[in-house]
Each structure stands twice: as structure tokens, then as C-alpha cells.
Protein backbone atom coordinates (compact mmCIF):
# COMPACT_ATOMS: atom_id res chain seq x y z
CA MET A 1 -93.69 -40.97 -86.11
CA THR A 2 -97.35 -40.20 -85.57
CA HIS A 3 -97.51 -42.85 -82.83
CA GLU A 4 -95.36 -40.50 -80.74
CA ALA A 5 -98.03 -37.84 -81.17
CA PHE A 6 -100.84 -40.11 -79.95
CA THR A 7 -101.23 -38.27 -76.65
CA CYS A 8 -104.21 -36.85 -74.82
CA ASP A 9 -102.66 -33.39 -74.70
CA LEU A 10 -102.09 -33.23 -78.47
CA TRP A 11 -105.58 -34.57 -79.08
CA ALA A 12 -106.87 -31.79 -76.83
CA ALA A 13 -104.92 -29.26 -78.92
CA ALA A 14 -106.55 -30.66 -82.07
CA ASP A 15 -109.94 -30.58 -80.32
CA ARG A 16 -109.40 -26.92 -79.50
CA ILE A 17 -108.32 -25.97 -83.01
CA PHE A 18 -111.24 -27.92 -84.51
CA GLY A 19 -113.79 -26.12 -82.33
CA GLY A 20 -114.21 -28.52 -79.44
CA TRP A 21 -114.28 -31.91 -81.11
CA CYS A 22 -111.84 -33.94 -83.19
CA SER A 23 -112.72 -37.47 -84.34
CA ASP A 24 -110.38 -40.47 -84.19
CA ASP A 25 -109.70 -40.25 -87.93
CA GLY A 26 -109.41 -36.47 -87.73
CA PHE A 27 -106.75 -36.80 -85.04
CA CYS A 28 -104.84 -39.38 -87.10
CA TYR A 29 -104.81 -36.97 -90.07
CA PHE A 30 -103.92 -34.09 -87.73
CA GLY A 31 -100.82 -36.04 -86.63
CA LEU A 32 -99.82 -36.54 -90.26
CA TRP A 33 -100.33 -32.82 -90.88
CA MET A 34 -98.10 -32.03 -87.89
CA MET A 35 -95.38 -34.23 -89.42
CA GLY A 36 -95.71 -32.17 -92.59
CA LEU A 37 -94.88 -29.05 -90.59
CA GLY A 38 -91.32 -30.33 -90.25
CA ARG A 39 -89.18 -31.95 -87.60
CA ASP A 40 -88.76 -28.83 -85.43
CA ALA A 41 -92.45 -27.93 -85.24
CA PHE A 42 -93.39 -31.58 -84.75
CA SER A 43 -90.86 -32.06 -81.93
CA ARG A 44 -91.95 -28.85 -80.20
CA ALA A 45 -95.61 -29.93 -80.40
CA LEU A 46 -94.72 -33.31 -78.86
CA ALA A 47 -93.02 -31.55 -75.95
CA ASP A 48 -95.60 -28.75 -75.62
CA PRO A 49 -98.86 -28.97 -77.61
CA ASP A 50 -99.52 -25.27 -76.98
CA SER A 51 -96.44 -24.49 -79.10
CA LEU A 52 -98.68 -25.09 -82.13
CA ALA A 53 -99.76 -21.50 -81.50
CA ASP A 54 -96.37 -20.43 -82.92
CA VAL A 55 -96.82 -22.30 -86.21
CA PRO A 56 -97.66 -19.99 -89.14
CA GLU A 57 -100.05 -22.60 -90.59
CA VAL A 58 -102.04 -22.49 -87.34
CA GLN A 59 -101.87 -18.70 -87.09
CA ARG A 60 -103.40 -18.41 -90.59
CA MET A 61 -106.56 -20.14 -89.33
CA VAL A 62 -107.14 -17.82 -86.38
CA GLY A 63 -110.31 -15.77 -86.64
CA ARG A 64 -111.41 -17.43 -89.86
CA PRO A 65 -114.59 -19.52 -89.89
CA ARG A 66 -113.71 -23.22 -90.15
CA GLU A 67 -115.82 -23.58 -93.28
CA MET A 68 -113.40 -21.13 -94.96
CA TRP A 69 -110.22 -23.06 -94.09
CA ASN A 70 -110.36 -25.19 -97.28
CA ASP A 71 -106.75 -26.22 -98.04
CA ASP A 72 -105.56 -24.80 -94.70
CA TRP A 73 -107.52 -27.46 -92.75
CA PRO A 74 -104.99 -29.06 -90.38
CA GLU A 75 -105.03 -32.62 -91.66
CA TRP A 76 -103.17 -34.57 -94.30
CA GLU A 77 -104.99 -37.84 -94.93
CA SER A 78 -103.23 -38.61 -98.21
CA LEU A 79 -99.85 -38.80 -96.43
CA ASP A 80 -101.17 -41.92 -94.71
CA TYR A 81 -101.13 -43.78 -98.04
CA VAL A 82 -97.74 -42.77 -99.43
CA ALA A 83 -95.80 -45.73 -98.00
CA MET A 84 -98.45 -48.19 -99.15
CA GLU A 85 -98.45 -46.72 -102.66
CA ALA A 86 -94.64 -46.89 -102.81
CA TYR A 87 -94.84 -50.51 -101.63
CA GLY A 88 -97.32 -51.29 -104.39
CA SER A 89 -95.04 -49.73 -107.00
CA LEU A 90 -91.96 -51.56 -105.76
CA THR A 91 -93.67 -54.94 -105.50
CA GLY A 92 -95.61 -54.58 -108.74
CA VAL A 93 -98.97 -54.78 -106.98
CA ASP A 94 -100.86 -51.85 -108.45
CA ASP A 95 -104.31 -52.31 -106.99
CA ASP A 96 -105.17 -53.02 -103.36
CA CYS A 97 -101.92 -54.07 -101.74
CA SER A 98 -102.95 -53.01 -98.21
CA GLU A 99 -103.10 -56.53 -96.74
CA ALA A 100 -99.67 -57.48 -98.07
CA PHE A 101 -98.27 -54.08 -97.07
CA TYR A 102 -99.42 -54.35 -93.46
CA GLU A 103 -98.25 -57.97 -93.21
CA ASP A 104 -94.78 -56.93 -94.39
CA VAL A 105 -94.71 -53.92 -92.07
CA GLU A 106 -95.63 -56.13 -89.13
CA ALA A 107 -92.99 -58.69 -90.12
CA GLU A 108 -90.37 -55.94 -90.38
CA GLN A 109 -91.27 -54.12 -87.16
CA GLY A 110 -92.48 -57.03 -85.07
CA ASP A 111 -95.63 -57.00 -83.02
CA GLY A 112 -94.47 -54.26 -80.68
CA GLU A 113 -96.73 -52.92 -78.03
CA SER A 114 -99.97 -51.61 -79.38
CA SER A 115 -101.84 -49.03 -77.42
CA SER A 116 -105.58 -49.04 -77.10
CA GLY A 117 -105.70 -45.32 -76.51
CA PRO A 118 -103.69 -42.13 -76.36
CA LEU A 119 -100.94 -41.69 -73.79
CA GLY A 120 -101.63 -39.51 -70.81
CA GLN A 121 -104.69 -38.45 -68.90
CA ARG A 122 -107.69 -37.52 -71.02
CA TRP A 123 -109.24 -34.15 -70.20
CA ASP A 124 -112.08 -32.03 -71.54
CA VAL A 125 -110.80 -29.17 -73.68
CA ARG A 126 -114.27 -27.59 -73.47
CA ARG A 127 -113.69 -26.84 -69.78
CA GLU A 128 -112.33 -23.34 -70.18
CA ASP A 129 -110.45 -23.28 -66.87
CA GLU A 130 -108.55 -26.47 -67.71
CA ALA A 131 -107.97 -25.46 -71.33
CA ALA A 132 -106.65 -22.05 -70.24
CA ARG A 133 -104.21 -23.78 -67.88
CA LYS A 134 -103.01 -26.52 -70.28
CA LEU A 135 -103.31 -24.75 -73.66
CA PRO A 136 -103.32 -21.04 -72.80
CA ARG A 137 -102.39 -19.66 -76.22
CA LEU A 138 -104.48 -22.06 -78.32
CA SER A 139 -107.45 -21.39 -76.02
CA VAL A 140 -107.22 -17.67 -76.75
CA MET A 141 -106.64 -18.23 -80.47
CA PHE A 142 -109.52 -20.71 -80.85
CA PRO A 143 -112.31 -19.79 -78.45
CA LEU A 144 -115.21 -22.24 -78.26
């Protein structure tokens, strides 16, 4: 599901929320966090990244220094490992089963088309005029 969220506009929304910069890993974990918000919030964010401004979990962060976000930080890295851990339990491989897991996932899903980057046109969320046009509410909520 997070592959659907691998877009330049959603990455820009994460950049804005994170204060102007979101790493590759940070964006991956941000996508997992968005999934944890539920199907409706996730679908709305896919269609309109600025709709994240309506999410209570995002609203709780507004005006608070990022170093005080603690458990509210918008990422969920551990969700990335749930399927692999379940695979390890089901196959009886308790330790590092990542290689076998990814081989089986690839065999199940096929090669598919892998993308080298996010979908859409990349833009600089630090340009206030562009951010105000593309993410008007998040730009007000999270000034740089």
C-alpha cells in the first residue's frame, strides 16, 4: 500500500511537516504511519496530500517543537517488519529470515515494475509561494 503513497506531493507534505526536510527512510516510515491512520485518511492523503491537515494526529503536532513530539512523531518504522516477523513465525525461521522473506514475496508478486523514484514532478516545499499553492493548509500549520 505504501507504494501508492510514493509520490512527490506526499513527500513534500512530509517535508513540510518535518520542517523542510524528510529523508528517504523518514518518508518510508511516514507512509507506514499514514497507513496506520486508517483507510479513509490514507485514501484522502493519496488524492490530496494537504488533507493531512484534517487528521487529528497531525493537528496535535501543530505549534509544538519537533523535539517534543516524542510518540506523536509521524512515522511507524516497526510496521515495516510485521510481515517479515509473521513470515518467520510461520516458517519456523526465528532469526534473520529477511532474505527468504523477500525471495518469497518476489516469487508471489512477480518482478513488477520497480520505480527508481517517486511519482510526479519533484518540487521544493521550502519555496513558500509553491508550498502555499500546493499545500496551503499544511504550509500555514507548519511554517518553515
